[in-house]
Amino acid sequence: MKNDDIELIRGSGNVFADFGRPNAGLEQARAIIAAKIINILDDRGLTTREAEKQTGVSHSEFSRIRNAQLRRFTLDRMITILGKLDQDVEVNVTFRPRQRIAERPQFL
């Protein structure tokens, strides 16, 4: 394979949007918050059971977050979990018109 055979397409910064997911912004926000929760648990060496004891959040919720099963979580629930892990959260929101599907990069 020659380098000429490879087409490089720069993503938007949101993989969910790049693949045309309908709620891409929400999915991206959930993924970012979940990654922070996982990093905190890993940095502290906490199992899901230990995290439950410290926060009162069900170990099954931590397990779902670790396994990226995020559909059942609202953003405010995930932010509440971060608060129980002694984290302050600052949210910045940006609004802009959606791109039409034809304008989005197409991935294979």
Protein backbone atom coordinates (compact mmCIF):
# COMPACT_ATOMS: atom_id res chain seq x y z
CA MET A 1 0.00 0.00 0.00
CA LYS A 2 1.36 3.39 -0.99
CA ASN A 3 0.78 6.60 0.95
CA ASP A 4 -1.09 7.90 -2.10
CA ASP A 5 -3.81 5.30 -1.41
CA ILE A 6 -4.68 6.75 1.99
CA GLU A 7 -7.11 9.62 2.35
CA LEU A 8 -6.85 11.56 5.59
CA ILE A 9 -10.05 13.16 6.84
CA ARG A 10 -9.89 15.42 9.86
CA GLY A 11 -12.69 14.78 12.33
CA SER A 12 -14.84 17.42 13.95
CA GLY A 13 -13.65 16.65 17.48
CA ASN A 14 -16.85 14.75 18.19
CA VAL A 15 -16.70 11.19 16.92
CA PHE A 16 -20.45 10.78 17.48
CA ALA A 17 -21.16 13.70 15.13
CA ASP A 18 -18.65 12.40 12.60
CA PHE A 19 -20.62 9.18 12.40
CA GLY A 20 -23.94 11.00 12.14
CA ARG A 21 -25.37 10.07 15.54
CA PRO A 22 -28.58 12.01 16.22
CA ASN A 23 -27.66 13.23 19.75
CA ALA A 24 -23.95 13.59 19.18
CA GLY A 25 -23.44 16.50 21.59
CA LEU A 26 -25.15 14.69 24.43
CA GLU A 27 -23.24 11.47 23.76
CA GLN A 28 -19.96 13.38 23.65
CA ALA A 29 -20.72 15.12 26.96
CA ARG A 30 -21.61 11.81 28.61
CA ALA A 31 -18.42 10.20 27.32
CA ILE A 32 -16.25 13.05 28.61
CA ILE A 33 -17.84 12.95 32.06
CA ALA A 34 -17.66 9.14 32.18
CA ALA A 35 -13.96 9.28 31.31
CA LYS A 36 -13.39 11.70 34.20
CA ILE A 37 -15.26 9.43 36.63
CA ILE A 38 -13.23 6.42 35.47
CA ASN A 39 -9.97 8.38 35.82
CA ILE A 40 -10.86 9.36 39.39
CA LEU A 41 -11.69 5.76 40.32
CA ASP A 42 -8.45 4.53 38.74
CA ASP A 43 -6.33 7.26 40.35
CA ARG A 44 -7.77 6.40 43.75
CA GLY A 45 -7.55 2.65 43.12
CA LEU A 46 -11.25 2.22 43.88
CA THR A 47 -13.34 -0.76 42.87
CA THR A 48 -16.99 -0.15 42.09
CA ARG A 49 -17.90 -1.57 45.53
CA GLU A 50 -15.43 0.73 47.30
CA ALA A 51 -16.73 3.71 45.33
CA GLU A 52 -20.27 2.78 46.38
CA LYS A 53 -19.25 2.79 50.05
CA GLN A 54 -17.60 6.21 49.72
CA THR A 55 -20.30 7.92 47.68
CA GLY A 56 -23.59 6.10 48.21
CA VAL A 57 -23.86 5.64 44.45
CA SER A 58 -24.76 2.08 43.49
CA HIS A 59 -21.81 -0.04 42.39
CA SER A 60 -23.88 -1.10 39.37
CA GLU A 61 -23.94 2.53 38.21
CA PHE A 62 -20.14 2.72 38.45
CA SER A 63 -19.97 -0.58 36.60
CA ARG A 64 -22.17 0.77 33.77
CA ILE A 65 -19.97 3.86 33.54
CA ARG A 66 -16.82 1.72 33.37
CA ASN A 67 -18.42 -0.32 30.59
CA ALA A 68 -19.52 2.79 28.66
CA GLN A 69 -23.20 1.91 29.02
CA LEU A 70 -24.22 5.53 29.34
CA ARG A 71 -27.69 5.73 27.78
CA ARG A 72 -29.45 5.50 31.15
CA PHE A 73 -27.50 8.43 32.61
CA THR A 74 -28.57 12.03 32.45
CA LEU A 75 -25.86 14.68 32.48
CA ASP A 76 -27.05 15.98 35.83
CA ARG A 77 -26.83 12.47 37.34
CA MET A 78 -23.26 12.09 36.11
CA ILE A 79 -22.34 15.55 37.42
CA THR A 80 -23.88 14.59 40.78
CA ILE A 81 -21.67 11.49 40.83
CA LEU A 82 -18.61 13.68 40.21
CA GLY A 83 -19.71 15.87 43.11
CA LYS A 84 -19.86 12.82 45.37
CA LEU A 85 -16.28 12.12 44.27
CA ASP A 86 -15.33 15.60 45.59
CA GLN A 87 -15.15 17.24 42.19
CA ASP A 88 -16.50 20.65 41.19
CA VAL A 89 -17.83 20.81 37.65
CA GLU A 90 -17.90 23.87 35.42
CA VAL A 91 -19.99 23.61 32.27
CA ASN A 92 -19.55 25.79 29.18
CA VAL A 93 -22.21 25.55 26.49
CA THR A 94 -21.84 26.71 22.91
CA PHE A 95 -24.71 26.98 20.46
CA ARG A 96 -24.38 26.86 16.68
CA PRO A 97 -26.56 25.75 13.79
CA ARG A 98 -26.32 22.07 12.88
CA GLN A 99 -24.47 21.07 9.75
CA ARG A 100 -26.54 19.42 7.10
CA ILE A 101 -25.68 15.77 6.58
CA ALA A 102 -24.19 16.48 3.13
CA GLU A 103 -21.65 18.86 4.75
CA ARG A 104 -20.39 16.31 7.27
CA PRO A 105 -17.27 14.32 6.42
CA GLN A 106 -18.06 10.80 5.28
CA PHE A 107 -16.12 7.97 6.92
CA LEU A 108 -15.76 4.42 5.77
